[in-house]
Structure formats: C-alpha cells, structure tokens
Protein backbone atom coordinates (compact mmCIF):
# COMPACT_ATOMS: atom_id res chain seq x y z
CA MET A 1 25.52 14.78 -110.85
CA GLY A 2 23.50 15.75 -107.76
CA PHE A 3 25.18 19.17 -107.63
CA LEU A 4 24.05 19.95 -111.16
CA LEU A 5 20.57 18.71 -110.32
CA PHE A 6 19.80 21.44 -107.84
CA ILE A 7 22.03 24.16 -109.38
CA SER A 8 19.96 23.96 -112.54
CA LEU A 9 16.77 24.77 -110.63
CA PHE A 10 17.61 28.43 -110.18
CA ASN A 11 19.55 31.23 -111.85
CA PRO A 12 23.28 30.67 -111.28
CA LEU A 13 23.71 34.47 -111.26
CA GLU A 14 21.88 34.54 -107.93
CA ILE A 15 24.65 32.47 -106.32
CA SER A 16 27.19 34.50 -104.39
CA ALA A 17 30.53 33.29 -103.15
CA GLN A 18 28.90 32.91 -99.73
CA SER A 19 25.81 30.97 -100.84
CA VAL A 20 25.50 27.81 -98.77
CA PHE A 21 23.90 24.42 -99.03
CA THR A 22 22.28 22.50 -96.17
CA ALA A 23 21.41 18.81 -96.24
CA ASN A 24 18.00 18.34 -94.63
CA LYS A 25 18.36 14.55 -94.74
CA ILE A 26 21.05 12.09 -95.81
CA LEU A 27 19.36 8.94 -97.08
CA PHE A 28 20.61 5.58 -98.33
CA LYS A 29 18.72 3.47 -100.84
CA GLY A 30 19.58 -0.13 -101.62
CA LEU A 31 20.70 -1.26 -98.15
CA ARG A 32 19.49 -4.79 -97.48
CA ARG A 33 21.90 -6.17 -94.89
CA THR A 34 24.23 -3.27 -94.20
CA LYS A 35 23.38 -1.05 -91.23
CA THR A 36 22.92 2.63 -91.95
CA THR A 37 25.44 3.55 -89.25
CA ILE A 38 28.20 1.78 -91.19
CA VAL A 39 27.78 3.86 -94.36
CA SER A 40 26.84 7.14 -92.66
CA ARG A 41 30.29 6.98 -91.02
CA GLU A 42 31.78 7.58 -94.50
CA ILE A 43 29.89 10.79 -95.35
CA THR A 44 32.02 13.94 -95.29
CA PHE A 45 29.19 16.28 -94.21
CA LYS A 46 26.29 16.12 -91.76
CA THR A 47 22.61 17.04 -91.79
CA GLY A 48 22.12 20.66 -90.85
CA GLN A 49 25.72 21.56 -91.64
CA LYS A 50 26.11 24.66 -93.80
CA ILE A 51 28.61 24.23 -96.61
CA LEU A 52 29.49 26.47 -99.53
CA ILE A 53 27.58 25.52 -102.67
CA ALA A 54 30.86 25.61 -104.57
CA ASP A 55 32.14 22.80 -102.33
CA THR A 56 29.16 20.47 -102.58
CA SER A 57 30.24 18.67 -105.75
CA VAL A 58 33.58 17.69 -104.21
CA LEU A 59 32.01 16.60 -100.91
CA PHE A 60 29.32 14.54 -102.63
CA ARG A 61 31.87 12.75 -104.82
CA LYS A 62 34.20 12.09 -101.89
CA SER A 63 31.35 10.69 -99.83
CA ALA A 64 30.26 8.35 -102.62
CA ALA A 65 33.86 7.18 -103.08
CA ASN A 66 34.20 6.59 -99.32
CA VAL A 67 31.04 4.46 -99.30
CA PHE A 68 32.29 2.47 -102.30
CA ASN A 69 35.68 1.97 -100.62
CA THR A 70 34.08 0.02 -97.77
CA HIS A 71 34.10 -2.85 -100.31
CA LEU A 72 30.46 -3.57 -99.45
CA PHE A 73 28.89 -2.33 -102.68
CA ASN A 74 29.15 -2.72 -106.45
CA TYR A 75 28.61 1.01 -106.94
CA CYS A 76 27.47 4.14 -105.14
CA ARG A 77 25.85 7.14 -106.81
CA TYR A 78 24.09 10.19 -105.39
CA GLU A 79 21.40 12.73 -106.20
CA THR A 80 19.44 15.47 -104.45
CA ASP A 81 15.71 15.70 -103.80
CA SER A 82 13.23 18.24 -102.40
CA VAL A 83 15.46 21.18 -103.37
CA ARG A 84 14.61 24.60 -101.95
CA VAL A 85 16.32 27.92 -102.73
CA ASP A 86 15.87 31.16 -100.82
CA SER A 87 16.21 34.71 -102.12
CA ALA A 88 19.88 34.85 -101.10
CA GLY A 89 20.69 31.86 -103.26
CA ASN A 90 21.08 29.45 -100.34
CA CYS A 91 19.95 25.87 -100.96
CA SER A 92 18.60 23.03 -98.89
CA ALA A 93 17.78 19.51 -100.06
CA ASP A 94 17.77 15.84 -99.20
CA VAL A 95 20.88 13.98 -100.38
CA ILE A 96 20.27 10.39 -101.43
CA PHE A 97 23.01 7.79 -101.93
CA TYR A 98 22.01 4.78 -104.04
CA VAL A 99 24.02 1.60 -103.52
CA SER A 100 24.01 -1.97 -104.80
CA GLU A 101 25.17 -4.48 -102.21
CA ARG A 102 27.72 -7.11 -103.14
CA TRP A 103 27.47 -10.83 -102.59
CA TYR A 104 28.78 -11.41 -99.05
CA THR A 105 28.98 -15.19 -98.64
CA PHE A 106 31.90 -16.89 -100.33
CA PRO A 107 32.22 -20.62 -99.66
CA SER A 108 34.80 -21.31 -102.31
CA PRO A 109 37.34 -23.96 -103.24
CA ILE A 110 40.99 -23.05 -102.84
CA PHE A 111 43.06 -23.56 -105.95
CA GLU A 112 46.02 -21.23 -105.85
CA LEU A 113 49.71 -21.23 -106.58
CA ALA A 114 52.17 -21.90 -103.77
CA ASP A 115 54.91 -19.81 -105.36
CA ARG A 116 55.53 -16.12 -104.74
CA ASN A 117 53.77 -15.08 -107.93
CA PHE A 118 52.38 -16.46 -111.16
CA ASN A 119 55.54 -15.64 -113.08
CA GLU A 120 57.84 -17.65 -110.82
CA TRP A 121 55.48 -20.62 -111.13
CA LEU A 122 55.24 -20.28 -114.92
CA TYR A 123 58.87 -19.64 -115.81
CA ASP A 124 60.97 -21.18 -113.01
CA ARG A 125 58.73 -24.03 -111.83
CA LYS A 126 57.63 -24.96 -115.38
CA ALA A 127 53.94 -24.57 -114.47
CA ASP A 128 54.16 -27.63 -112.20
CA ILE A 129 50.56 -28.43 -111.25
CA ARG A 130 51.82 -30.11 -108.07
CA ARG A 131 52.81 -26.69 -106.76
CA VAL A 132 49.27 -25.61 -105.99
CA ASN A 133 47.25 -25.36 -102.80
CA VAL A 134 43.81 -26.94 -102.71
CA GLY A 135 41.12 -26.84 -100.07
CA MET A 136 38.06 -24.91 -98.97
CA ARG A 137 37.76 -21.32 -97.82
CA PHE A 138 34.67 -19.84 -96.22
CA ILE A 139 34.41 -16.06 -96.06
CA GLN A 140 31.35 -14.42 -94.60
CA LYS A 141 31.64 -10.70 -95.22
CA ASN A 142 29.49 -8.04 -93.64
CA VAL A 143 28.47 -10.26 -90.71
CA ARG A 144 25.48 -8.73 -88.85
CA GLY A 145 25.47 -5.93 -91.45
CA ARG A 146 28.36 -4.22 -89.63
CA ASN A 147 31.15 -4.85 -92.15
CA GLU A 148 32.56 -7.65 -89.98
CA ASP A 149 34.37 -10.54 -91.65
CA LEU A 150 34.63 -14.20 -90.65
CA ILE A 151 37.33 -16.23 -92.41
CA LEU A 152 37.91 -19.98 -92.13
CA SER A 153 40.08 -22.04 -94.44
CA ILE A 154 41.36 -25.61 -94.58
CA GLN A 155 43.98 -26.26 -97.19
CA GLY A 156 46.04 -29.16 -98.48
CA GLY A 157 48.33 -29.68 -101.44
CA PHE A 158 51.73 -28.00 -101.53
CA THR A 159 51.11 -26.28 -98.19
CA ARG A 160 48.86 -27.78 -95.54
CA ARG A 161 47.26 -24.90 -93.72
CA PHE A 162 44.45 -23.87 -91.38
CA ASP A 163 43.44 -20.23 -90.88
CA PHE A 164 40.92 -18.50 -88.67
CA GLY A 165 40.15 -14.80 -88.59
CA TYR A 166 37.42 -12.52 -87.34
CA VAL A 167 37.37 -8.80 -88.02
CA ILE A 168 35.20 -6.35 -86.09
CA PRO A 169 35.79 -2.86 -87.53
CA TYR A 170 33.87 -1.06 -84.77
CA LEU A 171 33.58 -2.07 -81.12
CA ASP A 172 32.20 1.19 -79.71
CA LYS A 173 29.20 3.37 -80.47
CA LYS A 174 31.42 6.17 -81.78
CA GLN A 175 32.84 3.73 -84.36
CA ILE A 176 36.47 4.44 -83.54
CA PHE A 177 38.00 1.22 -82.20
CA GLY A 178 38.04 -2.19 -83.88
CA LEU A 179 39.43 -5.67 -83.28
CA ARG A 180 40.87 -8.45 -85.42
CA LEU A 181 41.52 -11.98 -84.12
CA LYS A 182 43.65 -14.46 -86.06
CA ALA A 183 45.32 -17.86 -85.76
CA SER A 184 47.02 -20.15 -88.27
CA PHE A 185 48.94 -23.40 -88.62
CA ALA A 186 50.87 -24.55 -91.69
CA ASN A 187 53.49 -27.06 -92.80
CA ASN A 188 55.38 -28.02 -95.95
CA LYS A 189 57.41 -30.91 -97.25
CA ASP A 190 59.00 -28.68 -99.91
CA VAL A 191 60.86 -25.73 -98.40
CA ALA A 192 62.75 -22.80 -99.91
CA VAL A 193 65.96 -23.47 -98.00
CA ARG A 194 68.10 -20.71 -99.53
CA SER A 195 68.57 -18.58 -102.64
CA ASP A 196 71.09 -19.04 -105.43
CA GLY A 197 71.47 -16.58 -108.28
CA ASN A 198 68.76 -14.54 -106.51
CA ARG A 199 66.27 -17.37 -107.03
CA LEU A 200 64.76 -19.63 -104.41
CA VAL A 201 66.11 -23.17 -104.06
CA TYR A 202 63.57 -25.74 -102.84
CA LYS A 203 64.31 -29.05 -101.14
CA ARG A 204 61.81 -31.77 -100.29
CA ASP A 205 61.80 -33.75 -97.05
CA GLU A 206 60.37 -37.19 -97.78
CA THR A 207 60.35 -38.38 -94.15
CA SER A 208 58.96 -35.35 -92.34
CA PHE A 209 57.64 -31.85 -92.86
CA GLY A 210 60.50 -29.61 -93.87
CA ARG A 211 58.97 -26.66 -92.05
CA GLU A 212 56.10 -26.10 -89.62
CA ARG A 213 54.77 -22.79 -88.39
CA MET A 214 52.13 -21.62 -85.95
CA ALA A 215 50.91 -18.11 -85.25
CA ALA A 216 48.23 -16.39 -83.19
CA GLY A 217 47.51 -12.80 -82.37
CA PHE A 218 45.19 -9.84 -82.40
CA GLN A 219 45.04 -6.34 -83.79
CA ILE A 220 43.44 -3.25 -82.26
CA SER A 221 42.51 -0.51 -84.70
CA ALA A 222 41.52 3.12 -84.22
CA ARG A 223 39.86 5.29 -86.83
CA ARG A 224 39.05 8.77 -85.55
CA ASN A 225 38.29 10.21 -88.97
CA ILE A 226 37.43 8.85 -92.37
CA TYR A 227 40.92 8.66 -93.85
CA ASP A 228 43.36 7.91 -91.00
CA TYR A 229 43.87 4.52 -89.32
CA HIS A 230 46.04 3.40 -86.40
CA PHE A 231 46.82 -0.27 -85.76
CA LEU A 232 48.51 -2.06 -82.88
CA ASP A 233 49.34 -5.74 -83.52
CA ALA A 234 50.46 -8.34 -81.00
CA ASN A 235 51.43 -11.75 -82.42
CA TYR A 236 53.36 -14.83 -81.38
CA TYR A 237 55.12 -17.21 -83.77
CA TYR A 238 56.63 -20.66 -83.46
CA ASN A 239 58.51 -22.15 -86.42
CA ARG A 240 60.30 -25.49 -86.69
CA ILE A 241 62.41 -27.06 -89.43
CA SER A 242 63.38 -30.69 -90.01
CA ASP A 243 66.89 -32.09 -89.77
CA SER A 244 67.21 -32.21 -93.56
CA THR A 245 66.24 -28.55 -93.89
CA TYR A 246 68.77 -27.65 -91.21
CA LEU A 247 71.50 -29.53 -93.02
CA GLU A 248 70.69 -27.72 -96.28
CA ASN A 249 71.02 -24.31 -94.57
CA PRO A 250 72.21 -24.14 -90.93
CA ALA A 251 71.73 -20.36 -91.08
CA TYR A 252 68.00 -20.81 -91.67
CA PHE A 253 67.43 -20.13 -87.94
CA LEU A 254 71.08 -19.27 -87.15
CA GLY A 255 72.14 -22.67 -85.91
CA ARG A 256 68.82 -23.79 -84.39
CA ASP A 257 66.05 -26.03 -85.65
CA PHE A 258 63.29 -23.84 -84.23
CA GLN A 259 62.37 -20.20 -83.88
CA ARG A 260 59.97 -18.56 -81.44
CA PHE A 261 59.29 -14.90 -80.90
CA GLY A 262 56.67 -12.37 -79.98
CA GLU A 263 55.93 -9.39 -82.18
CA ILE A 264 54.60 -5.91 -81.51
CA ARG A 265 53.83 -3.66 -84.46
CA TYR A 266 52.43 -0.15 -84.71
CA SER A 267 51.06 1.01 -88.05
CA PHE A 268 49.62 4.28 -89.30
CA VAL A 269 47.75 4.54 -92.60
CA SER A 270 46.42 7.74 -94.16
CA ASP A 271 44.44 6.77 -97.25
CA HIS A 272 43.13 9.60 -99.43
CA ARG A 273 42.84 7.62 -102.67
CA ASN A 274 39.59 7.99 -104.57
CA PHE A 275 39.46 4.21 -105.19
CA ARG A 276 41.49 1.80 -103.10
CA ASN A 277 41.62 -1.05 -105.59
CA PHE A 278 42.96 1.15 -108.42
CA GLY A 279 43.48 4.77 -107.42
CA THR A 280 43.52 7.57 -109.98
CA LYS A 281 43.57 10.54 -107.60
CA GLY A 282 44.80 11.21 -104.08
CA THR A 283 47.56 10.03 -101.75
CA TRP A 284 48.35 7.00 -99.59
CA LEU A 285 50.79 7.06 -96.67
CA SER A 286 51.72 4.04 -94.52
CA LEU A 287 54.22 3.92 -91.63
CA PHE A 288 55.22 0.78 -89.72
CA ILE A 289 57.50 0.09 -86.77
CA THR A 290 57.94 -3.53 -85.69
CA ARG A 291 59.77 -5.24 -82.86
CA ASN A 292 60.31 -8.98 -83.18
CA GLY A 293 61.56 -10.61 -79.98
CA ILE A 294 59.91 -9.19 -76.87
CA LEU A 295 60.17 -12.02 -74.33
CA PRO A 296 63.34 -13.39 -72.64
CA VAL A 297 62.82 -16.83 -74.25
CA ASP A 298 62.54 -15.43 -77.78
CA ASN A 299 65.42 -16.37 -80.10
CA PHE A 300 64.76 -13.95 -82.94
CA ARG A 301 65.20 -10.21 -82.34
CA ILE A 302 65.00 -7.46 -84.90
CA TRP A 303 63.69 -3.91 -85.32
CA ILE A 304 62.01 -3.02 -88.62
CA VAL A 305 60.92 0.45 -89.78
CA ARG A 306 59.07 0.89 -93.06
CA GLY A 307 57.37 3.77 -94.88
CA ILE A 308 55.28 3.87 -98.07
CA LEU A 309 54.09 6.98 -99.90
CA ALA A 310 51.99 6.89 -103.07
CA LYS A 311 50.63 9.74 -105.16
CA TYR A 312 47.91 9.46 -107.80
CA THR A 313 47.15 12.32 -110.21
CA THR A 314 44.38 12.83 -112.78
CA LEU A 315 45.66 14.97 -115.66
CA LYS A 316 42.73 14.35 -118.02
CA PRO A 317 39.61 12.18 -117.75
CA TRP A 318 41.60 9.60 -119.73
CA LEU A 319 45.15 10.27 -118.47
CA PHE A 320 46.52 9.44 -115.01
CA LEU A 321 49.84 9.27 -113.19
CA GLY A 322 50.76 6.98 -110.31
CA SER A 323 53.96 6.91 -108.27
CA LYS A 324 55.00 5.06 -105.11
CA ILE A 325 58.13 4.88 -102.97
CA ASP A 326 58.66 2.13 -100.38
CA ILE A 327 61.58 2.24 -97.90
CA GLU A 328 62.46 -0.33 -95.22
CA LEU A 329 65.31 -0.50 -92.72
CA SER A 330 65.99 -3.28 -90.20
CA THR A 331 68.62 -4.10 -87.61
CA ASN A 332 72.05 -4.19 -89.29
CA GLN A 333 73.34 -7.52 -88.03
CA LYS A 334 73.38 -11.08 -89.33
CA GLN A 335 69.81 -12.40 -89.19
CA PRO A 336 68.22 -15.79 -89.77
CA TYR A 337 67.55 -16.49 -93.43
CA LEU A 338 63.85 -15.76 -93.04
CA GLY A 339 64.59 -12.43 -91.36
CA THR A 340 66.19 -10.89 -94.44
CA ARG A 341 63.53 -11.38 -97.09
CA VAL A 342 62.56 -8.08 -98.71
CA LEU A 343 62.16 -7.44 -102.47
CA GLY A 344 60.49 -10.29 -104.29
CA PHE A 345 58.24 -11.17 -101.36
CA ASP A 346 54.75 -9.97 -100.41
CA ASN A 347 54.25 -8.37 -103.84
CA ARG A 348 57.18 -5.99 -103.36
CA PHE A 349 59.31 -5.88 -106.46
CA VAL A 350 60.74 -3.74 -109.24
CA ARG A 351 58.87 -4.77 -112.37
CA GLY A 352 60.96 -6.99 -114.57
CA TYR A 353 62.49 -8.70 -111.51
CA GLU A 354 59.41 -10.72 -110.54
CA ARG A 355 61.32 -14.02 -110.78
CA TYR A 356 64.06 -12.92 -108.37
CA VAL A 357 64.40 -12.48 -104.61
CA MET A 358 66.67 -9.96 -102.90
CA GLU A 359 67.55 -10.26 -99.23
CA GLY A 360 69.05 -7.56 -97.01
CA ASN A 361 68.55 -5.22 -94.08
CA PHE A 362 67.82 -2.10 -96.18
CA ASN A 363 65.75 -1.73 -99.31
CA VAL A 364 64.07 1.01 -101.28
CA HIS A 365 62.05 0.79 -104.46
CA THR A 366 59.83 3.07 -106.45
CA ARG A 367 57.12 2.21 -108.99
CA ASN A 368 55.86 4.77 -111.50
CA SER A 369 53.13 4.47 -114.13
CA VAL A 370 51.35 6.55 -116.75
CA ARG A 371 47.82 5.27 -117.41
CA PHE A 372 45.84 5.91 -120.58
CA LYS A 373 42.22 4.87 -120.21
CA VAL A 374 41.15 3.36 -123.52
CA LEU A 375 37.78 1.91 -122.46
CA SER A 376 35.32 2.51 -119.62
CA THR A 377 31.99 0.73 -119.69
CA HIS A 378 29.75 -1.57 -117.71
CA TYR A 379 27.34 -4.38 -118.40
CA HIS A 380 24.11 -5.44 -116.76
CA ALA A 381 23.94 -9.23 -116.96
CA ASN A 382 20.24 -9.45 -116.15
CA TRP A 383 20.24 -13.11 -117.14
CA PHE A 384 22.60 -14.03 -114.27
CA PRO A 385 20.67 -15.69 -111.40
CA VAL A 386 22.57 -13.91 -108.57
CA ARG A 387 21.60 -10.24 -108.40
CA GLN A 388 24.89 -9.08 -106.85
CA PHE A 389 26.89 -10.29 -109.87
CA ARG A 390 24.79 -8.67 -112.58
CA PHE A 391 26.59 -5.30 -112.59
CA ILE A 392 29.96 -5.72 -114.33
CA PRO A 393 32.15 -2.60 -114.73
CA VAL A 394 35.13 -2.80 -117.08
CA ASP A 395 37.93 -0.19 -117.35
CA ILE A 396 40.96 -0.84 -119.57
CA TYR A 397 44.24 1.10 -119.39
CA ILE A 398 47.44 1.12 -121.41
CA SER A 399 50.24 1.85 -118.95
CA PRO A 400 53.91 2.63 -119.65
CA PHE A 401 56.00 2.32 -116.48
CA ALA A 402 59.49 2.76 -115.02
CA ASP A 403 60.60 1.32 -111.66
CA ALA A 404 63.84 1.42 -109.67
CA GLY A 405 65.16 -0.12 -106.48
CA TYR A 406 68.12 -1.01 -104.31
CA VAL A 407 68.83 -3.66 -101.65
CA ARG A 408 71.75 -3.50 -99.24
CA ASN A 409 73.16 -6.60 -97.58
CA ALA A 410 76.57 -6.57 -95.83
CA PHE A 411 76.42 -10.36 -95.48
CA VAL A 412 75.44 -11.23 -99.06
CA LEU A 413 76.69 -14.57 -100.33
CA GLU A 414 78.78 -14.74 -103.47
CA GLU A 415 76.05 -16.54 -105.45
CA ASN A 416 73.56 -13.69 -104.85
CA LYS A 417 75.73 -10.64 -105.54
CA ARG A 418 74.31 -9.98 -109.02
CA LEU A 419 71.26 -8.09 -107.78
CA ILE A 420 72.36 -7.04 -104.26
CA ASN A 421 74.15 -3.77 -103.45
CA THR A 422 73.53 -2.56 -107.00
CA PRO A 423 70.83 -0.34 -108.56
CA LEU A 424 67.80 -2.09 -110.07
CA LEU A 425 65.88 -0.63 -113.00
CA GLY A 426 62.89 -1.99 -114.88
CA TYR A 427 60.70 -0.37 -117.51
CA GLY A 428 58.09 -1.34 -120.06
CA ILE A 429 54.42 -1.15 -120.98
CA GLY A 430 51.38 -2.90 -119.59
CA LEU A 431 47.69 -3.60 -120.05
CA ASN A 432 45.52 -3.14 -116.93
CA ILE A 433 41.94 -4.39 -116.76
CA VAL A 434 39.84 -3.31 -113.77
CA THR A 435 36.51 -5.01 -113.12
CA PHE A 436 34.10 -5.84 -110.33
CA TYR A 437 34.92 -7.04 -106.81
CA ASP A 438 38.21 -5.13 -106.92
CA VAL A 439 39.77 -7.44 -109.51
CA VAL A 440 42.71 -5.92 -111.40
CA PHE A 441 44.40 -7.98 -114.11
CA ARG A 442 47.82 -6.89 -115.38
CA ALA A 443 49.86 -8.04 -118.36
CA GLU A 444 53.19 -6.18 -118.46
CA TYR A 445 56.20 -6.49 -120.74
CA SER A 446 59.37 -5.47 -118.88
CA ILE A 447 63.04 -4.87 -119.63
CA THR A 448 65.67 -4.53 -116.88
CA ARG A 449 69.12 -2.97 -116.76
CA HIS A 450 70.48 -6.44 -116.08
CA GLY A 451 69.30 -7.68 -119.47
CA ASP A 452 66.15 -9.55 -118.45
CA LYS A 453 63.08 -9.30 -120.69
CA GLY A 454 59.69 -10.90 -120.39
CA LEU A 455 55.90 -10.75 -120.21
CA TYR A 456 54.62 -10.88 -116.64
CA LEU A 457 51.06 -11.46 -115.45
CA SER A 458 49.59 -10.48 -112.07
CA PHE A 459 46.46 -9.46 -110.18
CA LEU A 460 47.95 -6.59 -108.15
CA SER A 461 45.76 -3.60 -107.36
CA ASP A 462 48.60 -1.21 -106.47
CA ILE A 463 50.74 0.84 -108.86
C-alpha cells in the first residue's frame, strides 16, 4: 500500500535496479498506552538506512506484521508521507504505521472445562457440568505500556487453583533480556489415576484431595533480533497424592505418595510466521531440552528433548498450505505415570484421536492442512461502547487435512496397546473461523485408520 503510494508519484522507468529508498522518519499513530520503544523494536529497517526500492514493499509488510504480532493491537497498517524523489530515482519519505490498541484489562470470570479438550468432555464425560472450573481471573496486559503482563487467578470447581505470573519482556535498554515470574497451587478430588483403552480413568477421593501440586519458578528470555528467542527456565515442583489414589495406581509416583523435583529447561524459538495466531506464510522452529531432577533429594529424574518445525506457504491469495512435525524423545526407562504423558496432552494430537491419550518415551506426529479462504471481511461495530472491541475481522477457511503419528512405549500395559507402538493416521475436512483477539474456532470431521469417526470442535491457533 505505502510502496505503491510513493512509486506512483514518479515515472517507474526512472527507477534503476540500484535506486534506493530512505526513511526520514518512522512514526506511529494510534499509540495511547504503548511506548514507542516497544513497537519500534519490531521494525525491520531504520531511519537513514538506504534500502533498495524493490525491497521496500516486503520490509513494510514484515514490519506491520511484526507490530501486529506483539498482540497489542487490533490491526496495523502503513503508508508513506512527504515523498521526495531525486533525478537518479532515489526516494525518501516518512513511513507512518497506524495502529488500533486492544483492550488491555481483563477481569473475567473463569468458566472452563477441566478435561483435556472439549471433545473429551462432550463425548466421554457426557457434558457433565460438574467438570468445569469456576473462579475469577485478572489479566492486566501491557502494564506501564511496555507489553508487560500481570496474571492473577483464583479458581474453584473441579480443580481448586491459584496462579500468579508477571512477565517483563525487556529488562535492559537494548531490549534483549526479559523475565517471567510464576507460582501456582492446585488440588483435585477427582484424579486421572491411569488410562485404560487409551482413555483416562478418573477416581474421586471423598475424604481428601486425590492430588495436590505446587510449583514456582522463573524464566529468563533473550531476544537479540526480531524473530529469534532464547529461554532459560528454572522451576521446582512438589506433588502429593492421597492414599486412595496410590492404591488405584502405585506406579503413579513409582511406589511413593509424593514427588519433588527441580527442572531446568533451555528453549530456542525462531518464529518467521506472518501471523502467529494463524500463519499463512513463513516458518516456525522450536527446540527444547529439559532436565527434571537436579538436586540430590529429587525423586523424579528424566531428560527430554523435543523439536517442532512448521512451514506455511501461500500459493494463491485464497489458497494456503500448512505443515508441522513434532518429535520428542525422553529417557528410555520406566517412569512415573505422569512422566510418560505425550500425545493427547497439551493440545498435541493426531486429529481424529482427540479423545485418546498415548503415553511413552518417544513420539512423533505431523499435522498437514490445505486452507481455502472463502471469506475475508471485517466489521466496525460503532455502536459498541468499548472502542477496542469495535473492529471485528472475520476470515473463514475450508481446510482438508491429513495427520500421522507414532508413540513408542516399551512398558505399555496390555489395556493400552491398541494405539501404542503402531502408526496413527487421521484425515478429514474442517471449517476454521479466525476473528479478533487471536480467536480461532475449528470444527473438523475426522476419520482414523483405527475406524474412529467424529466431529471435533476446538479453539487451537496452530495447524
């Protein structure tokens, strides 16, 4: 848009392959709380820098996408102003980025499902309304205008829980290092004590809490350029189970009624997606190495290595491809029940197997989609009293997909062999609706090689 604005002001025949553009000023319009230093960090060029005119369109679009991906704004668009062209065809201009800030304060009630996903709750738990968490969550985003987040939540219902978190993305003037603090406490009367037929089996302790868990830790982050992130996490966990839970599954903590361990994790993320909530172009690479059990008193020890690579391709303005592969390997020895959970947890699954869990020390799965954009529009709800909620984008996609996976477990129990140590395959077609505040709604009909069929609903932003 901005590129065409100043290109049209002079004869394109005057442009040579070496004609350059210089930004006299980089301006931001629409900032109310956000500090300019936070968004200027996302711009891929600097004032006074000479760049080829042929490259400006790409750099402008990337910069606008980077600003939008801070999750601080409803949209970001750009244009140029005060354009000047010399006899050699070189340009200079001011570059202006227009943004609309989001709503940053979210005191909201908690009403969410306790199960792994909506489909398990709907199909296997018969939509039991008692299996919900209720409470109050307070999220203050963009604290001090520096993209800092404060999170507090108090929750009852199926899981009683308290969470605290504070995220400071930049501690230093160069905006490289950040810090995250976190602490939580939770307990349950109903506990998933084991799996049978690759589905979780819950037992309720009427006299005590079946499971209690506490955690505290911090994360140091480093971001030396726009797209690459390094994280170092240090956490400590203490978990306890009741006598009845122990009797249901003595292997829950390998013969103990408690578990305590420290954790050190290093992570690297290289995120070149155009949009992080629903990418249509670019790549995403994540690498993790984790050590659980770092102190002599720890009674849970395991190494975990994991890698994720995703590729997003735009073939036409209405046609996109997305593919992801996720591989994880952990220490090959008998682990506590909770140490073996892989596919089916944390939104990792082959589509069509949402209702199942697969436990093991090695797993790999790939998810692949073709996306046909059938609608792209937006609405201005000027009647809505809160300005930040008036802009409502809506993109709708029809998406055929095919996924595959495999979980290895040398210690698999007889009742869970159906989906362990055997290839998994799921395919089908879905409807994806992308709207404001990074909300992605999915309705997907899947068929698996094991004969399962069904319609599954989710709010996942990944492939």
